[in-house]
Amino acid sequence: MIITLTGNLLAERTFEFSSWEPGKTQRAARESFQVGGKGINVSRMLTRLGARTLALCFAGGASGGECLRWLGQQGIGHHAFQTSMPTRTGLVVVARAVAAASSAGGRGAGTSAVRRMNIAMASAMAPAADQADRTISWVVMALPLK
């Protein structure tokens, strides 16, 4: 089993438009939702490859609940630590006519809060992993360097 750690989960919506003009009200041709964050992204790929993985993350608020439901629907093994801070949100706008995409992210937890969460997650990793499986082969800490 490979365990990944995600300290700053992302609830991301993508709106696709055939064309996009700033300043105008427009309806998306397609809308999708996905969950991201460095460790989650690693667990998503491992799941696609058929590897056993457990994604540890922090989730809070309605956006956190939506992330956990999505992870379950995708069959990605996960264990969430509930937090009072809402999970950060992001928006991607895709304009097909001009082959361009723009993304915007919500504030989310501050850097020091994320560092504290990563430390807490690392210390809680063993009991969470023990509940899932006693054969851990790798731990992936996909964290920002800054």
N, C-alpha and C. Protein backbone atom coordinates (compact mmCIF):
# COMPACT_ATOMS: atom_id res chain seq x y z
N MET A 1 0.84 -1.18 0.00
CA MET A 1 0.00 0.00 0.00
C MET A 1 0.88 1.24 0.00
N ILE A 2 0.46 2.23 -0.74
CA ILE A 2 1.17 3.51 -0.81
C ILE A 2 0.29 4.58 -0.18
N ILE A 3 0.82 5.26 0.81
CA ILE A 3 0.08 6.33 1.49
C ILE A 3 0.56 7.67 0.96
N THR A 4 -0.40 8.55 0.66
CA THR A 4 -0.06 9.91 0.24
C THR A 4 -0.63 10.90 1.25
N LEU A 5 0.05 12.00 1.40
CA LEU A 5 -0.37 13.06 2.32
C LEU A 5 -0.69 14.32 1.54
N THR A 6 -1.88 14.86 1.77
CA THR A 6 -2.29 16.12 1.13
C THR A 6 -2.70 17.09 2.22
N GLY A 7 -1.93 18.15 2.37
CA GLY A 7 -2.23 19.13 3.41
C GLY A 7 -3.17 20.22 2.96
N ASN A 8 -3.37 20.40 1.67
CA ASN A 8 -4.20 21.50 1.18
C ASN A 8 -5.07 20.99 0.03
N LEU A 9 -6.13 20.29 0.39
CA LEU A 9 -7.06 19.70 -0.56
C LEU A 9 -7.69 20.79 -1.44
N LEU A 10 -8.07 20.44 -2.67
CA LEU A 10 -8.67 21.40 -3.60
C LEU A 10 -9.96 20.84 -4.18
N ALA A 11 -11.05 21.59 -4.03
CA ALA A 11 -12.33 21.29 -4.68
C ALA A 11 -12.38 22.17 -5.93
N GLU A 12 -12.28 21.55 -7.11
CA GLU A 12 -12.11 22.32 -8.34
C GLU A 12 -13.25 22.09 -9.33
N ARG A 13 -13.85 23.17 -9.79
CA ARG A 13 -14.87 23.14 -10.82
C ARG A 13 -14.28 23.64 -12.13
N THR A 14 -14.67 22.97 -13.21
CA THR A 14 -14.25 23.39 -14.54
C THR A 14 -15.50 23.72 -15.35
N PHE A 15 -15.51 24.91 -15.95
CA PHE A 15 -16.58 25.33 -16.86
C PHE A 15 -15.99 25.41 -18.25
N GLU A 16 -16.62 24.74 -19.21
CA GLU A 16 -16.15 24.77 -20.59
C GLU A 16 -17.13 25.56 -21.44
N PHE A 17 -16.59 26.46 -22.24
CA PHE A 17 -17.37 27.31 -23.13
C PHE A 17 -16.86 27.11 -24.55
N SER A 18 -17.78 27.22 -25.53
CA SER A 18 -17.33 27.17 -26.92
C SER A 18 -16.55 28.44 -27.24
N SER A 19 -16.99 29.56 -26.70
CA SER A 19 -16.23 30.81 -26.79
C SER A 19 -16.43 31.55 -25.49
N TRP A 20 -15.52 32.45 -25.18
CA TRP A 20 -15.54 33.14 -23.90
C TRP A 20 -15.24 34.62 -24.13
N GLU A 21 -16.10 35.45 -23.58
CA GLU A 21 -15.89 36.88 -23.67
C GLU A 21 -16.04 37.47 -22.28
N PRO A 22 -14.97 37.98 -21.71
CA PRO A 22 -15.07 38.59 -20.38
C PRO A 22 -16.10 39.72 -20.37
N GLY A 23 -16.79 39.86 -19.25
CA GLY A 23 -17.76 40.93 -19.09
C GLY A 23 -19.16 40.59 -19.58
N LYS A 24 -19.35 39.41 -20.14
CA LYS A 24 -20.67 38.99 -20.62
C LYS A 24 -21.16 37.79 -19.81
N THR A 25 -22.47 37.72 -19.66
CA THR A 25 -23.08 36.56 -19.02
C THR A 25 -23.15 35.44 -20.05
N GLN A 26 -22.63 34.27 -19.69
CA GLN A 26 -22.57 33.15 -20.61
C GLN A 26 -22.90 31.86 -19.88
N ARG A 27 -23.39 30.91 -20.60
CA ARG A 27 -23.69 29.60 -20.01
C ARG A 27 -22.64 28.59 -20.48
N ALA A 28 -22.15 27.83 -19.55
CA ALA A 28 -21.15 26.81 -19.88
C ALA A 28 -21.79 25.69 -20.67
N ALA A 29 -21.07 25.18 -21.65
CA ALA A 29 -21.53 24.02 -22.41
C ALA A 29 -21.38 22.75 -21.57
N ARG A 30 -20.42 22.77 -20.67
CA ARG A 30 -20.14 21.60 -19.83
C ARG A 30 -19.54 22.06 -18.51
N GLU A 31 -19.91 21.36 -17.44
CA GLU A 31 -19.36 21.65 -16.11
C GLU A 31 -18.90 20.33 -15.51
N SER A 32 -17.74 20.35 -14.85
CA SER A 32 -17.25 19.14 -14.19
C SER A 32 -16.63 19.50 -12.84
N PHE A 33 -16.46 18.49 -12.01
CA PHE A 33 -15.89 18.66 -10.69
C PHE A 33 -14.82 17.61 -10.50
N GLN A 34 -13.73 18.00 -9.87
CA GLN A 34 -12.69 17.05 -9.51
C GLN A 34 -11.99 17.53 -8.25
N VAL A 35 -11.27 16.63 -7.64
CA VAL A 35 -10.53 16.93 -6.42
C VAL A 35 -9.05 16.89 -6.73
N GLY A 36 -8.32 17.84 -6.19
CA GLY A 36 -6.89 17.90 -6.41
C GLY A 36 -6.13 18.19 -5.14
N GLY A 37 -4.87 18.40 -5.29
CA GLY A 37 -3.92 18.55 -4.20
C GLY A 37 -2.80 17.57 -4.52
N LYS A 38 -1.58 17.91 -4.18
CA LYS A 38 -0.43 17.10 -4.62
C LYS A 38 -0.56 15.62 -4.29
N GLY A 39 -0.82 15.28 -3.06
CA GLY A 39 -0.94 13.87 -2.68
C GLY A 39 -2.14 13.19 -3.31
N ILE A 40 -3.27 13.92 -3.39
CA ILE A 40 -4.47 13.37 -4.03
C ILE A 40 -4.18 13.06 -5.49
N ASN A 41 -3.46 13.95 -6.17
CA ASN A 41 -3.12 13.71 -7.57
C ASN A 41 -2.30 12.43 -7.73
N VAL A 42 -1.38 12.20 -6.79
CA VAL A 42 -0.58 10.97 -6.83
C VAL A 42 -1.49 9.76 -6.61
N SER A 43 -2.37 9.83 -5.62
CA SER A 43 -3.29 8.71 -5.35
C SER A 43 -4.24 8.46 -6.51
N ARG A 44 -4.67 9.51 -7.18
CA ARG A 44 -5.54 9.33 -8.35
C ARG A 44 -4.82 8.51 -9.42
N MET A 45 -3.57 8.84 -9.69
CA MET A 45 -2.82 8.11 -10.72
C MET A 45 -2.53 6.68 -10.26
N LEU A 46 -2.18 6.51 -9.00
CA LEU A 46 -1.93 5.15 -8.49
C LEU A 46 -3.17 4.28 -8.62
N THR A 47 -4.35 4.86 -8.32
CA THR A 47 -5.61 4.12 -8.44
C THR A 47 -5.83 3.72 -9.90
N ARG A 48 -5.58 4.65 -10.83
CA ARG A 48 -5.72 4.33 -12.26
C ARG A 48 -4.81 3.18 -12.67
N LEU A 49 -3.63 3.13 -12.05
CA LEU A 49 -2.65 2.09 -12.39
C LEU A 49 -2.91 0.78 -11.66
N GLY A 50 -3.91 0.77 -10.78
CA GLY A 50 -4.27 -0.44 -10.06
C GLY A 50 -3.50 -0.67 -8.77
N ALA A 51 -2.75 0.31 -8.32
CA ALA A 51 -1.99 0.17 -7.06
C ALA A 51 -2.90 0.47 -5.88
N ARG A 52 -2.62 -0.15 -4.75
CA ARG A 52 -3.37 0.12 -3.53
C ARG A 52 -2.80 1.38 -2.89
N THR A 53 -3.69 2.33 -2.59
CA THR A 53 -3.26 3.61 -2.03
C THR A 53 -4.25 4.08 -0.98
N LEU A 54 -3.76 4.89 -0.07
CA LEU A 54 -4.61 5.54 0.93
C LEU A 54 -4.19 7.00 0.95
N ALA A 55 -5.12 7.87 0.57
CA ALA A 55 -4.86 9.32 0.54
C ALA A 55 -5.30 9.92 1.87
N LEU A 56 -4.36 10.48 2.61
CA LEU A 56 -4.68 11.17 3.85
C LEU A 56 -4.81 12.66 3.55
N CYS A 57 -5.86 13.28 4.06
CA CYS A 57 -6.09 14.68 3.75
C CYS A 57 -6.88 15.35 4.88
N PHE A 58 -6.95 16.68 4.81
CA PHE A 58 -7.80 17.46 5.70
C PHE A 58 -8.97 17.96 4.89
N ALA A 59 -10.18 17.87 5.45
CA ALA A 59 -11.37 18.34 4.75
C ALA A 59 -12.23 19.12 5.73
N GLY A 60 -12.79 20.23 5.23
CA GLY A 60 -13.66 21.04 6.07
C GLY A 60 -14.74 21.72 5.27
N GLY A 61 -15.86 21.98 5.92
CA GLY A 61 -16.96 22.70 5.29
C GLY A 61 -17.65 21.91 4.19
N ALA A 62 -18.57 22.58 3.49
CA ALA A 62 -19.32 21.94 2.41
C ALA A 62 -18.40 21.48 1.28
N SER A 63 -17.37 22.29 0.97
CA SER A 63 -16.46 21.91 -0.11
C SER A 63 -15.66 20.66 0.26
N GLY A 64 -15.32 20.52 1.53
CA GLY A 64 -14.62 19.32 1.98
C GLY A 64 -15.50 18.09 1.86
N GLY A 65 -16.77 18.23 2.23
CA GLY A 65 -17.72 17.13 2.10
C GLY A 65 -17.89 16.69 0.65
N GLU A 66 -17.94 17.67 -0.25
CA GLU A 66 -18.06 17.35 -1.67
C GLU A 66 -16.82 16.60 -2.16
N CYS A 67 -15.64 17.01 -1.67
CA CYS A 67 -14.40 16.31 -2.05
C CYS A 67 -14.43 14.86 -1.58
N LEU A 68 -14.86 14.62 -0.36
CA LEU A 68 -14.87 13.25 0.17
C LEU A 68 -15.85 12.37 -0.59
N ARG A 69 -17.01 12.92 -0.94
CA ARG A 69 -17.97 12.14 -1.75
C ARG A 69 -17.35 11.79 -3.10
N TRP A 70 -16.68 12.74 -3.74
CA TRP A 70 -16.06 12.51 -5.04
C TRP A 70 -14.98 11.43 -4.94
N LEU A 71 -14.14 11.52 -3.92
CA LEU A 71 -13.09 10.51 -3.74
C LEU A 71 -13.70 9.11 -3.61
N GLY A 72 -14.79 9.01 -2.85
CA GLY A 72 -15.48 7.72 -2.70
C GLY A 72 -16.04 7.23 -4.02
N GLN A 73 -16.67 8.13 -4.78
CA GLN A 73 -17.24 7.75 -6.08
C GLN A 73 -16.16 7.29 -7.06
N GLN A 74 -14.97 7.85 -6.95
CA GLN A 74 -13.87 7.49 -7.84
C GLN A 74 -13.13 6.23 -7.39
N GLY A 75 -13.50 5.72 -6.22
CA GLY A 75 -12.84 4.52 -5.70
C GLY A 75 -11.44 4.76 -5.18
N ILE A 76 -11.16 6.00 -4.77
CA ILE A 76 -9.85 6.34 -4.23
C ILE A 76 -9.89 6.18 -2.71
N GLY A 77 -9.08 5.26 -2.20
CA GLY A 77 -9.04 5.05 -0.76
C GLY A 77 -8.55 6.31 -0.06
N HIS A 78 -9.26 6.72 0.99
CA HIS A 78 -8.88 7.97 1.66
C HIS A 78 -9.28 7.93 3.13
N HIS A 79 -8.60 8.75 3.89
CA HIS A 79 -8.94 8.98 5.30
C HIS A 79 -8.81 10.48 5.52
N ALA A 80 -9.90 11.11 5.92
CA ALA A 80 -9.90 12.56 6.09
C ALA A 80 -9.89 12.92 7.56
N PHE A 81 -9.13 13.95 7.86
CA PHE A 81 -9.12 14.55 9.18
C PHE A 81 -9.98 15.81 9.07
N GLN A 82 -11.06 15.86 9.83
CA GLN A 82 -11.97 17.00 9.75
C GLN A 82 -11.32 18.25 10.34
N THR A 83 -11.55 19.38 9.71
CA THR A 83 -11.01 20.65 10.18
C THR A 83 -12.11 21.71 10.13
N SER A 84 -11.96 22.74 10.93
CA SER A 84 -12.94 23.83 10.94
C SER A 84 -12.75 24.77 9.75
N MET A 85 -11.58 24.72 9.13
CA MET A 85 -11.33 25.57 7.96
C MET A 85 -11.93 24.91 6.72
N PRO A 86 -12.69 25.67 5.92
CA PRO A 86 -13.25 25.05 4.71
C PRO A 86 -12.14 24.67 3.73
N THR A 87 -12.37 23.58 3.03
CA THR A 87 -11.45 23.14 1.98
C THR A 87 -11.40 24.20 0.88
N ARG A 88 -10.20 24.47 0.37
CA ARG A 88 -10.06 25.51 -0.65
C ARG A 88 -10.76 25.09 -1.94
N THR A 89 -11.20 26.10 -2.67
CA THR A 89 -11.92 25.86 -3.91
C THR A 89 -11.17 26.50 -5.08
N GLY A 90 -11.41 26.00 -6.26
CA GLY A 90 -10.79 26.54 -7.46
C GLY A 90 -11.74 26.49 -8.63
N LEU A 91 -11.49 27.33 -9.60
CA LEU A 91 -12.32 27.41 -10.80
C LEU A 91 -11.42 27.43 -12.02
N VAL A 92 -11.75 26.60 -13.00
CA VAL A 92 -11.05 26.59 -14.28
C VAL A 92 -12.07 26.95 -15.35
N VAL A 93 -11.73 27.92 -16.20
CA VAL A 93 -12.57 28.32 -17.33
C VAL A 93 -11.84 27.93 -18.60
N VAL A 94 -12.48 27.10 -19.42
CA VAL A 94 -11.90 26.63 -20.66
C VAL A 94 -12.70 27.22 -21.82
N ALA A 95 -12.02 27.89 -22.73
CA ALA A 95 -12.64 28.45 -23.93
C ALA A 95 -12.12 27.68 -25.13
N ARG A 96 -12.95 26.84 -25.72
CA ARG A 96 -12.53 25.98 -26.83
C ARG A 96 -12.17 26.77 -28.09
N ALA A 97 -12.90 27.83 -28.38
CA ALA A 97 -12.69 28.58 -29.63
C ALA A 97 -11.29 29.19 -29.70
N VAL A 98 -10.75 29.57 -28.56
CA VAL A 98 -9.43 30.19 -28.55
C VAL A 98 -8.36 29.27 -27.96
N ALA A 99 -8.77 28.03 -27.66
CA ALA A 99 -7.85 27.04 -27.08
C ALA A 99 -7.09 27.60 -25.89
N ALA A 100 -7.85 28.15 -24.93
CA ALA A 100 -7.23 28.74 -23.75
C ALA A 100 -7.96 28.30 -22.49
N ALA A 101 -7.23 28.28 -21.41
CA ALA A 101 -7.82 27.97 -20.11
C ALA A 101 -7.24 28.90 -19.07
N SER A 102 -8.07 29.30 -18.14
CA SER A 102 -7.63 30.13 -17.01
C SER A 102 -8.08 29.47 -15.73
N SER A 103 -7.30 29.59 -14.69
CA SER A 103 -7.70 29.02 -13.41
C SER A 103 -7.57 30.06 -12.32
N ALA A 104 -8.42 29.92 -11.31
CA ALA A 104 -8.39 30.80 -10.15
C ALA A 104 -8.62 29.95 -8.93
N GLY A 105 -7.87 30.23 -7.89
CA GLY A 105 -8.00 29.45 -6.66
C GLY A 105 -8.46 30.30 -5.51
N GLY A 106 -9.24 29.68 -4.64
CA GLY A 106 -9.65 30.34 -3.41
C GLY A 106 -8.48 30.41 -2.45
N ARG A 107 -8.67 31.14 -1.40
CA ARG A 107 -7.58 31.40 -0.46
C ARG A 107 -7.10 30.13 0.24
N GLY A 108 -8.02 29.33 0.74
CA GLY A 108 -7.64 28.12 1.46
C GLY A 108 -6.90 28.44 2.73
N ALA A 109 -6.27 27.45 3.29
CA ALA A 109 -5.52 27.63 4.53
C ALA A 109 -4.22 28.36 4.25
N GLY A 110 -3.79 29.19 5.16
CA GLY A 110 -2.51 29.88 5.01
C GLY A 110 -1.35 28.91 5.10
N THR A 111 -0.19 29.34 4.67
CA THR A 111 0.99 28.48 4.63
C THR A 111 1.32 27.89 5.99
N SER A 112 1.29 28.70 7.05
CA SER A 112 1.63 28.16 8.37
C SER A 112 0.59 27.15 8.83
N ALA A 113 -0.68 27.38 8.49
CA ALA A 113 -1.73 26.42 8.85
C ALA A 113 -1.52 25.11 8.10
N VAL A 114 -1.15 25.19 6.84
CA VAL A 114 -0.90 23.98 6.06
C VAL A 114 0.28 23.21 6.65
N ARG A 115 1.32 23.91 7.04
CA ARG A 115 2.47 23.23 7.66
C ARG A 115 2.06 22.52 8.95
N ARG A 116 1.24 23.19 9.77
CA ARG A 116 0.76 22.56 11.02
C ARG A 116 -0.08 21.33 10.69
N MET A 117 -0.92 21.44 9.65
CA MET A 117 -1.76 20.30 9.28
C MET A 117 -0.89 19.14 8.78
N ASN A 118 0.16 19.44 8.01
CA ASN A 118 1.04 18.38 7.51
C ASN A 118 1.72 17.65 8.66
N ILE A 119 2.14 18.39 9.67
CA ILE A 119 2.78 17.77 10.85
C ILE A 119 1.77 16.89 11.57
N ALA A 120 0.56 17.41 11.76
CA ALA A 120 -0.48 16.63 12.43
C ALA A 120 -0.83 15.39 11.63
N MET A 121 -0.89 15.53 10.32
CA MET A 121 -1.22 14.40 9.47
C MET A 121 -0.14 13.33 9.54
N ALA A 122 1.09 13.76 9.49
CA ALA A 122 2.20 12.80 9.55
C ALA A 122 2.17 12.04 10.87
N SER A 123 1.86 12.72 11.98
CA SER A 123 1.82 12.03 13.27
C SER A 123 0.61 11.11 13.39
N ALA A 124 -0.46 11.42 12.65
CA ALA A 124 -1.66 10.58 12.69
C ALA A 124 -1.63 9.48 11.65
N MET A 125 -0.62 9.48 10.80
CA MET A 125 -0.56 8.55 9.68
C MET A 125 -0.55 7.09 10.13
N ALA A 126 0.22 6.76 11.11
CA ALA A 126 0.34 5.35 11.51
C ALA A 126 -0.99 4.75 11.96
N PRO A 127 -1.74 5.41 12.86
CA PRO A 127 -3.03 4.81 13.24
C PRO A 127 -4.00 4.70 12.06
N ALA A 128 -4.03 5.71 11.19
CA ALA A 128 -4.93 5.67 10.04
C ALA A 128 -4.54 4.54 9.10
N ALA A 129 -3.27 4.38 8.88
CA ALA A 129 -2.79 3.33 8.00
C ALA A 129 -3.04 1.96 8.62
N ASP A 130 -2.91 1.87 9.93
CA ASP A 130 -3.12 0.61 10.62
C ASP A 130 -4.56 0.13 10.45
N GLN A 131 -5.49 1.08 10.39
CA GLN A 131 -6.89 0.72 10.17
C GLN A 131 -7.09 0.14 8.78
N ALA A 132 -6.32 0.61 7.82
CA ALA A 132 -6.50 0.20 6.43
C ALA A 132 -5.73 -1.07 6.10
N ASP A 133 -4.49 -1.15 6.52
CA ASP A 133 -3.64 -2.27 6.11
C ASP A 133 -2.32 -2.15 6.84
N ARG A 134 -1.74 -3.25 7.21
CA ARG A 134 -0.48 -3.21 7.93
C ARG A 134 0.73 -3.30 7.01
N THR A 135 0.51 -3.42 5.72
CA THR A 135 1.63 -3.56 4.79
C THR A 135 1.80 -2.28 3.98
N ILE A 136 2.50 -1.35 4.55
CA ILE A 136 2.76 -0.09 3.87
C ILE A 136 4.12 -0.19 3.19
N SER A 137 4.14 0.03 1.88
CA SER A 137 5.41 -0.07 1.17
C SER A 137 6.04 1.30 0.91
N TRP A 138 5.21 2.35 0.76
CA TRP A 138 5.72 3.69 0.50
C TRP A 138 4.84 4.72 1.18
N VAL A 139 5.44 5.83 1.54
CA VAL A 139 4.70 7.01 2.00
C VAL A 139 5.14 8.16 1.12
N VAL A 140 4.18 8.80 0.45
CA VAL A 140 4.48 9.91 -0.45
C VAL A 140 4.03 11.20 0.21
N MET A 141 4.97 12.07 0.51
CA MET A 141 4.67 13.38 1.07
C MET A 141 4.90 14.40 -0.04
N ALA A 142 3.86 14.66 -0.81
CA ALA A 142 3.95 15.58 -1.95
C ALA A 142 3.62 16.98 -1.46
N LEU A 143 4.63 17.66 -0.95
CA LEU A 143 4.43 18.96 -0.33
C LEU A 143 5.20 20.04 -1.09
N PRO A 144 4.71 21.28 -1.01
CA PRO A 144 5.45 22.37 -1.67
C PRO A 144 6.80 22.59 -1.00
N LEU A 145 7.77 23.00 -1.77
CA LEU A 145 9.11 23.23 -1.23
C LEU A 145 9.24 24.56 -0.53
N LYS A 146 8.36 25.51 -0.81
CA LYS A 146 8.44 26.82 -0.20
C LYS A 146 7.53 26.92 0.99
